[in-house]
Amino acid sequence: MAEGGTRFNVQLDERHAQKLRELAERTHVNPSTALDEVEPEPSSAVVLLDSIPGAFECAQQGLREIESGHGIPLDDF
């Protein structure tokens, strides 16, 4: 992780976790660093994010929670 970066954890369903394991295997890296090793293309990043069921809605809910004073800002972790 780059200096000054922000770390966050993502919980994947089994299908997406399997895809990540396969990506790690193909690129010969540990699954926890597989995404760091892949050069992202904007179109593939959008496809990846759009493929996560409910991701956009979850992100919007998180924004509403922070705006209403609930939740914990990432800087507080």
PDB file of N, CA and C in Angstrom:
ATOM      1  N   MET A   1       0.853  -1.173   0.000  1.00  0.00           N
ATOM      2  CA  MET A   1       0.000   0.000   0.000  1.00  0.00           C
ATOM      3  C   MET A   1       0.894   1.230   0.000  1.00  0.00           C
ATOM      4  N   ALA A   2       0.525   2.209  -0.790  1.00  0.00           N
ATOM      5  CA  ALA A   2       1.301   3.437  -0.879  1.00  0.00           C
ATOM      6  C   ALA A   2       1.234   4.201   0.430  1.00  0.00           C
ATOM      7  N   GLU A   3       2.325   4.915   0.711  1.00  0.00           N
ATOM      8  CA  GLU A   3       2.349   5.716   1.914  1.00  0.00           C
ATOM      9  C   GLU A   3       1.216   6.730   1.886  1.00  0.00           C
ATOM     10  N   GLY A   4       0.537   6.897   3.013  1.00  0.00           N
ATOM     11  CA  GLY A   4      -0.566   7.832   3.088  1.00  0.00           C
ATOM     12  C   GLY A   4      -1.855   7.299   2.495  1.00  0.00           C
ATOM     13  N   GLY A   5      -1.847   6.043   2.078  1.00  0.00           N
ATOM     14  CA  GLY A   5      -3.050   5.442   1.492  1.00  0.00           C
ATOM     15  C   GLY A   5      -4.051   5.070   2.565  1.00  0.00           C
ATOM     16  N   THR A   6      -5.231   4.719   2.134  1.00  0.00           N
ATOM     17  CA  THR A   6      -6.290   4.298   3.027  1.00  0.00           C
ATOM     18  C   THR A   6      -6.594   2.844   2.766  1.00  0.00           C
ATOM     19  N   ARG A   7      -6.648   2.059   3.821  1.00  0.00           N
ATOM     20  CA  ARG A   7      -6.956   0.648   3.686  1.00  0.00           C
ATOM     21  C   ARG A   7      -8.408   0.436   4.073  1.00  0.00           C
ATOM     22  N   PHE A   8      -9.094  -0.423   3.333  1.00  0.00           N
ATOM     23  CA  PHE A   8     -10.434  -0.817   3.722  1.00  0.00           C
ATOM     24  C   PHE A   8     -10.629  -2.270   3.351  1.00  0.00           C
ATOM     25  N   ASN A   9     -11.497  -2.925   4.066  1.00  0.00           N
ATOM     26  CA  ASN A   9     -11.780  -4.336   3.841  1.00  0.00           C
ATOM     27  C   ASN A   9     -13.100  -4.473   3.107  1.00  0.00           C
ATOM     28  N   VAL A  10     -13.155  -5.441   2.215  1.00  0.00           N
ATOM     29  CA  VAL A  10     -14.354  -5.715   1.445  1.00  0.00           C
ATOM     30  C   VAL A  10     -14.723  -7.165   1.674  1.00  0.00           C
ATOM     31  N   GLN A  11     -15.957  -7.411   2.010  1.00  0.00           N
ATOM     32  CA  GLN A  11     -16.425  -8.778   2.179  1.00  0.00           C
ATOM     33  C   GLN A  11     -17.059  -9.228   0.870  1.00  0.00           C
ATOM     34  N   LEU A  12     -16.532 -10.315   0.310  1.00  0.00           N
ATOM     35  CA  LEU A  12     -17.009 -10.813  -0.972  1.00  0.00           C
ATOM     36  C   LEU A  12     -17.900 -12.024  -0.783  1.00  0.00           C
ATOM     37  N   ASP A  13     -18.888 -12.154  -1.658  1.00  0.00           N
ATOM     38  CA  ASP A  13     -19.657 -13.396  -1.644  1.00  0.00           C
ATOM     39  C   ASP A  13     -18.764 -14.486  -2.225  1.00  0.00           C
ATOM     40  N   GLU A  14     -19.176 -15.733  -2.110  1.00  0.00           N
ATOM     41  CA  GLU A  14     -18.315 -16.845  -2.502  1.00  0.00           C
ATOM     42  C   GLU A  14     -17.926 -16.790  -3.982  1.00  0.00           C
ATOM     43  N   ARG A  15     -18.839 -16.403  -4.845  1.00  0.00           N
ATOM     44  CA  ARG A  15     -18.542 -16.340  -6.284  1.00  0.00           C
ATOM     45  C   ARG A  15     -17.439 -15.329  -6.574  1.00  0.00           C
ATOM     46  N   HIS A  16     -17.522 -14.137  -5.974  1.00  0.00           N
ATOM     47  CA  HIS A  16     -16.510 -13.115  -6.210  1.00  0.00           C
ATOM     48  C   HIS A  16     -15.196 -13.468  -5.514  1.00  0.00           C
ATOM     49  N   ALA A  17     -15.281 -14.111  -4.363  1.00  0.00           N
ATOM     50  CA  ALA A  17     -14.062 -14.562  -3.678  1.00  0.00           C
ATOM     51  C   ALA A  17     -13.331 -15.583  -4.539  1.00  0.00           C
ATOM     52  N   GLN A  18     -14.073 -16.464  -5.182  1.00  0.00           N
ATOM     53  CA  GLN A  18     -13.461 -17.460  -6.065  1.00  0.00           C
ATOM     54  C   GLN A  18     -12.794 -16.776  -7.252  1.00  0.00           C
ATOM     55  N   LYS A  19     -13.423 -15.757  -7.813  1.00  0.00           N
ATOM     56  CA  LYS A  19     -12.814 -15.020  -8.925  1.00  0.00           C
ATOM     57  C   LYS A  19     -11.499 -14.375  -8.490  1.00  0.00           C
ATOM     58  N   LEU A  20     -11.472 -13.834  -7.275  1.00  0.00           N
ATOM     59  CA  LEU A  20     -10.253 -13.218  -6.761  1.00  0.00           C
ATOM     60  C   LEU A  20      -9.170 -14.271  -6.569  1.00  0.00           C
ATOM     61  N   ARG A  21      -9.533 -15.436  -6.038  1.00  0.00           N
ATOM     62  CA  ARG A  21      -8.547 -16.511  -5.877  1.00  0.00           C
ATOM     63  C   ARG A  21      -7.987 -16.938  -7.236  1.00  0.00           C
ATOM     64  N   GLU A  22      -8.854 -17.030  -8.244  1.00  0.00           N
ATOM     65  CA  GLU A  22      -8.402 -17.408  -9.582  1.00  0.00           C
ATOM     66  C   GLU A  22      -7.485 -16.347 -10.180  1.00  0.00           C
ATOM     67  N   LEU A  23      -7.805 -15.081  -9.970  1.00  0.00           N
ATOM     68  CA  LEU A  23      -6.943 -13.993 -10.433  1.00  0.00           C
ATOM     69  C   LEU A  23      -5.573 -14.101  -9.772  1.00  0.00           C
ATOM     70  N   ALA A  24      -5.557 -14.345  -8.472  1.00  0.00           N
ATOM     71  CA  ALA A  24      -4.297 -14.476  -7.745  1.00  0.00           C
ATOM     72  C   ALA A  24      -3.489 -15.655  -8.269  1.00  0.00           C
ATOM     73  N   GLU A  25      -4.163 -16.750  -8.542  1.00  0.00           N
ATOM     74  CA  GLU A  25      -3.471 -17.928  -9.063  1.00  0.00           C
ATOM     75  C   GLU A  25      -2.863 -17.648 -10.435  1.00  0.00           C
ATOM     76  N   ARG A  26      -3.625 -16.996 -11.313  1.00  0.00           N
ATOM     77  CA  ARG A  26      -3.133 -16.687 -12.660  1.00  0.00           C
ATOM     78  C   ARG A  26      -1.952 -15.730 -12.633  1.00  0.00           C
ATOM     79  N   THR A  27      -1.945 -14.812 -11.675  1.00  0.00           N
ATOM     80  CA  THR A  27      -0.869 -13.821 -11.609  1.00  0.00           C
ATOM     81  C   THR A  27       0.224 -14.221 -10.625  1.00  0.00           C
ATOM     82  N   HIS A  28       0.070 -15.403 -10.011  1.00  0.00           N
ATOM     83  CA  HIS A  28       1.076 -15.954  -9.095  1.00  0.00           C
ATOM     84  C   HIS A  28       1.352 -15.023  -7.912  1.00  0.00           C
ATOM     85  N   VAL A  29       0.282 -14.513  -7.316  1.00  0.00           N
ATOM     86  CA  VAL A  29       0.410 -13.661  -6.130  1.00  0.00           C
ATOM     87  C   VAL A  29      -0.569 -14.147  -5.066  1.00  0.00           C
ATOM     88  N   ASN A  30      -0.400 -13.626  -3.877  1.00  0.00           N
ATOM     89  CA  ASN A  30      -1.296 -13.917  -2.769  1.00  0.00           C
ATOM     90  C   ASN A  30      -2.633 -13.237  -3.039  1.00  0.00           C
ATOM     91  N   PRO A  31      -3.766 -13.897  -2.738  1.00  0.00           N
ATOM     92  CA  PRO A  31      -5.069 -13.247  -2.982  1.00  0.00           C
ATOM     93  C   PRO A  31      -5.213 -11.882  -2.322  1.00  0.00           C
ATOM     94  N   SER A  32      -4.559 -11.683  -1.172  1.00  0.00           N
ATOM     95  CA  SER A  32      -4.700 -10.391  -0.493  1.00  0.00           C
ATOM     96  C   SER A  32      -3.981  -9.266  -1.235  1.00  0.00           C
ATOM     97  N   THR A  33      -3.072  -9.616  -2.155  1.00  0.00           N
ATOM     98  CA  THR A  33      -2.368  -8.583  -2.919  1.00  0.00           C
ATOM     99  C   THR A  33      -2.659  -8.661  -4.411  1.00  0.00           C
ATOM    100  N   ALA A  34      -3.538  -9.563  -4.813  1.00  0.00           N
ATOM    101  CA  ALA A  34      -3.808  -9.769  -6.241  1.00  0.00           C
ATOM    102  C   ALA A  34      -4.261  -8.489  -6.933  1.00  0.00           C
ATOM    103  N   LEU A  35      -5.133  -7.747  -6.308  1.00  0.00           N
ATOM    104  CA  LEU A  35      -5.641  -6.529  -6.950  1.00  0.00           C
ATOM    105  C   LEU A  35      -4.563  -5.460  -7.057  1.00  0.00           C
ATOM    106  N   ASP A  36      -3.587  -5.468  -6.130  1.00  0.00           N
ATOM    107  CA  ASP A  36      -2.487  -4.507  -6.209  1.00  0.00           C
ATOM    108  C   ASP A  36      -1.593  -4.788  -7.404  1.00  0.00           C
ATOM    109  N   GLU A  37      -1.512  -6.050  -7.822  1.00  0.00           N
ATOM    110  CA  GLU A  37      -0.610  -6.454  -8.882  1.00  0.00           C
ATOM    111  C   GLU A  37      -1.203  -6.260 -10.280  1.00  0.00           C
ATOM    112  N   VAL A  38      -2.497  -6.087 -10.374  1.00  0.00           N
ATOM    113  CA  VAL A  38      -3.164  -5.975 -11.664  1.00  0.00           C
ATOM    114  C   VAL A  38      -3.226  -4.515 -12.078  1.00  0.00           C
ATOM    115  N   GLU A  39      -2.827  -4.252 -13.317  1.00  0.00           N
ATOM    116  CA  GLU A  39      -2.939  -2.900 -13.843  1.00  0.00           C
ATOM    117  C   GLU A  39      -4.401  -2.663 -14.232  1.00  0.00           C
ATOM    118  N   PRO A  40      -5.078  -1.767 -13.531  1.00  0.00           N
ATOM    119  CA  PRO A  40      -6.495  -1.563 -13.827  1.00  0.00           C
ATOM    120  C   PRO A  40      -6.711  -0.762 -15.104  1.00  0.00           C
ATOM    121  N   GLU A  41      -7.745  -1.121 -15.796  1.00  0.00           N
ATOM    122  CA  GLU A  41      -8.214  -0.342 -16.926  1.00  0.00           C
ATOM    123  C   GLU A  41      -9.545   0.237 -16.478  1.00  0.00           C
ATOM    124  N   PRO A  42      -9.804   1.509 -16.747  1.00  0.00           N
ATOM    125  CA  PRO A  42     -11.052   2.111 -16.261  1.00  0.00           C
ATOM    126  C   PRO A  42     -12.289   1.295 -16.585  1.00  0.00           C
ATOM    127  N   SER A  43     -12.360   0.751 -17.788  1.00  0.00           N
ATOM    128  CA  SER A  43     -13.565   0.000 -18.148  1.00  0.00           C
ATOM    129  C   SER A  43     -13.690  -1.276 -17.335  1.00  0.00           C
ATOM    130  N   SER A  44     -12.571  -1.962 -17.053  1.00  0.00           N
ATOM    131  CA  SER A  44     -12.663  -3.190 -16.267  1.00  0.00           C
ATOM    132  C   SER A  44     -12.948  -2.887 -14.801  1.00  0.00           C
ATOM    133  N   ALA A  45     -12.463  -1.748 -14.307  1.00  0.00           N
ATOM    134  CA  ALA A  45     -12.758  -1.369 -12.924  1.00  0.00           C
ATOM    135  C   ALA A  45     -14.257  -1.098 -12.767  1.00  0.00           C
ATOM    136  N   VAL A  46     -14.844  -0.433 -13.724  1.00  0.00           N
ATOM    137  CA  VAL A  46     -16.280  -0.153 -13.676  1.00  0.00           C
ATOM    138  C   VAL A  46     -17.072  -1.450 -13.736  1.00  0.00           C
ATOM    139  N   VAL A  47     -16.669  -2.356 -14.623  1.00  0.00           N
ATOM    140  CA  VAL A  47     -17.347  -3.651 -14.734  1.00  0.00           C
ATOM    141  C   VAL A  47     -17.238  -4.409 -13.413  1.00  0.00           C
ATOM    142  N   LEU A  48     -16.042  -4.402 -12.806  1.00  0.00           N
ATOM    143  CA  LEU A  48     -15.848  -5.078 -11.529  1.00  0.00           C
ATOM    144  C   LEU A  48     -16.766  -4.500 -10.457  1.00  0.00           C
ATOM    145  N   LEU A  49     -16.775  -3.182 -10.323  1.00  0.00           N
ATOM    146  CA  LEU A  49     -17.606  -2.553  -9.297  1.00  0.00           C
ATOM    147  C   LEU A  49     -19.092  -2.766  -9.577  1.00  0.00           C
ATOM    148  N   ASP A  50     -19.488  -2.678 -10.837  1.00  0.00           N
ATOM    149  CA  ASP A  50     -20.891  -2.885 -11.191  1.00  0.00           C
ATOM    150  C   ASP A  50     -21.334  -4.328 -10.971  1.00  0.00           C
ATOM    151  N   SER A  51     -20.388  -5.256 -10.949  1.00  0.00           N
ATOM    152  CA  SER A  51     -20.748  -6.672 -10.776  1.00  0.00           C
ATOM    153  C   SER A  51     -21.010  -7.048  -9.329  1.00  0.00           C
ATOM    154  N   ILE A  52     -20.694  -6.174  -8.388  1.00  0.00           N
ATOM    155  CA  ILE A  52     -20.925  -6.469  -6.973  1.00  0.00           C
ATOM    156  C   ILE A  52     -22.377  -6.138  -6.651  1.00  0.00           C
ATOM    157  N   PRO A  53     -23.175  -7.154  -6.319  1.00  0.00           N
ATOM    158  CA  PRO A  53     -24.595  -6.922  -6.066  1.00  0.00           C
ATOM    159  C   PRO A  53     -24.814  -5.918  -4.919  1.00  0.00           C
ATOM    160  N   GLY A  54     -25.583  -4.872  -5.205  1.00  0.00           N
ATOM    161  CA  GLY A  54     -25.947  -3.902  -4.182  1.00  0.00           C
ATOM    162  C   GLY A  54     -24.846  -2.945  -3.774  1.00  0.00           C
ATOM    163  N   ALA A  55     -23.706  -2.940  -4.474  1.00  0.00           N
ATOM    164  CA  ALA A  55     -22.572  -2.098  -4.074  1.00  0.00           C
ATOM    165  C   ALA A  55     -22.925  -0.613  -4.103  1.00  0.00           C
ATOM    166  N   PHE A  56     -23.567  -0.165  -5.168  1.00  0.00           N
ATOM    167  CA  PHE A  56     -23.897   1.255  -5.280  1.00  0.00           C
ATOM    168  C   PHE A  56     -24.864   1.664  -4.177  1.00  0.00           C
ATOM    169  N   GLU A  57     -25.882   0.852  -3.968  1.00  0.00           N
ATOM    170  CA  GLU A  57     -26.875   1.154  -2.932  1.00  0.00           C
ATOM    171  C   GLU A  57     -26.231   1.173  -1.544  1.00  0.00           C
ATOM    172  N   CYS A  58     -25.313   0.245  -1.316  1.00  0.00           N
ATOM    173  CA  CYS A  58     -24.614   0.186  -0.025  1.00  0.00           C
ATOM    174  C   CYS A  58     -23.754   1.436   0.176  1.00  0.00           C
ATOM    175  N   ALA A  59     -23.074   1.861  -0.879  1.00  0.00           N
ATOM    176  CA  ALA A  59     -22.255   3.067  -0.788  1.00  0.00           C
ATOM    177  C   ALA A  59     -23.124   4.287  -0.515  1.00  0.00           C
ATOM    178  N   GLN A  60     -24.268   4.372  -1.179  1.00  0.00           N
ATOM    179  CA  GLN A  60     -25.175   5.499  -0.956  1.00  0.00           C
ATOM    180  C   GLN A  60     -25.704   5.494   0.480  1.00  0.00           C
ATOM    181  N   GLN A  61     -26.034   4.311   1.006  1.00  0.00           N
ATOM    182  CA  GLN A  61     -26.502   4.200   2.385  1.00  0.00           C
ATOM    183  C   GLN A  61     -25.409   4.664   3.349  1.00  0.00           C
ATOM    184  N   GLY A  62     -24.170   4.280   3.077  1.00  0.00           N
ATOM    185  CA  GLY A  62     -23.057   4.716   3.916  1.00  0.00           C
ATOM    186  C   GLY A  62     -22.903   6.226   3.917  1.00  0.00           C
ATOM    187  N   LEU A  63     -23.044   6.835   2.748  1.00  0.00           N
ATOM    188  CA  LEU A  63     -22.978   8.297   2.680  1.00  0.00           C
ATOM    189  C   LEU A  63     -24.089   8.942   3.503  1.00  0.00           C
ATOM    190  N   ARG A  64     -25.298   8.395   3.396  1.00  0.00           N
ATOM    191  CA  ARG A  64     -26.420   8.942   4.179  1.00  0.00           C
ATOM    192  C   ARG A  64     -26.150   8.806   5.676  1.00  0.00           C
ATOM    193  N   GLU A  65     -25.579   7.675   6.088  1.00  0.00           N
ATOM    194  CA  GLU A  65     -25.282   7.467   7.503  1.00  0.00           C
ATOM    195  C   GLU A  65     -24.257   8.477   8.001  1.00  0.00           C
ATOM    196  N   ILE A  66     -23.198   8.698   7.228  1.00  0.00           N
ATOM    197  CA  ILE A  66     -22.170   9.665   7.634  1.00  0.00           C
ATOM    198  C   ILE A  66     -22.757  11.074   7.673  1.00  0.00           C
ATOM    199  N   GLU A  67     -23.534  11.426   6.655  1.00  0.00           N
ATOM    200  CA  GLU A  67     -24.118  12.766   6.607  1.00  0.00           C
ATOM    201  C   GLU A  67     -25.078  13.015   7.761  1.00  0.00           C
ATOM    202  N   SER A  68     -25.719  11.971   8.262  1.00  0.00           N
ATOM    203  CA  SER A  68     -26.655  12.131   9.380  1.00  0.00           C
ATOM    204  C   SER A  68     -25.975  11.985  10.738  1.00  0.00           C
ATOM    205  N   GLY A  69     -24.639  11.854  10.730  1.00  0.00           N
ATOM    206  CA  GLY A  69     -23.901  11.780  11.992  1.00  0.00           C
ATOM    207  C   GLY A  69     -23.718  10.366  12.523  1.00  0.00           C
ATOM    208  N   HIS A  70     -24.130   9.371  11.777  1.00  0.00           N
ATOM    209  CA  HIS A  70     -23.935   7.984  12.188  1.00  0.00           C
ATOM    210  C   HIS A  70     -22.721   7.407  11.464  1.00  0.00           C
ATOM    211  N   GLY A  71     -22.214   6.332  11.954  1.00  0.00           N
ATOM    212  CA  GLY A  71     -21.063   5.695  11.325  1.00  0.00           C
ATOM    213  C   GLY A  71     -19.767   6.296  11.846  1.00  0.00           C
ATOM    214  N   ILE A  72     -18.671   5.743  11.387  1.00  0.00           N
ATOM    215  CA  ILE A  72     -17.345   6.180  11.810  1.00  0.00           C
ATOM    216  C   ILE A  72     -16.567   6.590  10.569  1.00  0.00           C
ATOM    217  N   PRO A  73     -16.101   7.830  10.526  1.00  0.00           N
ATOM    218  CA  PRO A  73     -15.295   8.263   9.376  1.00  0.00           C
ATOM    219  C   PRO A  73     -14.041   7.395   9.253  1.00  0.00           C
ATOM    220  N   LEU A  74     -13.601   7.117   8.028  1.00  0.00           N
ATOM    221  CA  LEU A  74     -12.430   6.291   7.814  1.00  0.00           C
ATOM    222  C   LEU A  74     -11.182   6.830   8.517  1.00  0.00           C
ATOM    223  N   ASP A  75     -11.069   8.146   8.619  1.00  0.00           N
ATOM    224  CA  ASP A  75      -9.904   8.738   9.293  1.00  0.00           C
ATOM    225  C   ASP A  75      -9.839   8.371  10.760  1.00  0.00           C
ATOM    226  N   ASP A  76     -10.962   7.939  11.355  1.00  0.00           N
ATOM    227  CA  ASP A  76     -10.985   7.580  12.778  1.00  0.00           C
ATOM    228  C   ASP A  76     -10.561   6.145  13.027  1.00  0.00           C
ATOM    229  N   PHE A  77     -10.312   5.372  11.978  1.00  0.00           N
ATOM    230  CA  PHE A  77      -9.893   3.984  12.175  1.00  0.00           C
ATOM    231  C   PHE A  77      -8.443   3.906  12.483  1.00  0.00           C
TER     232      PHE A  77
END
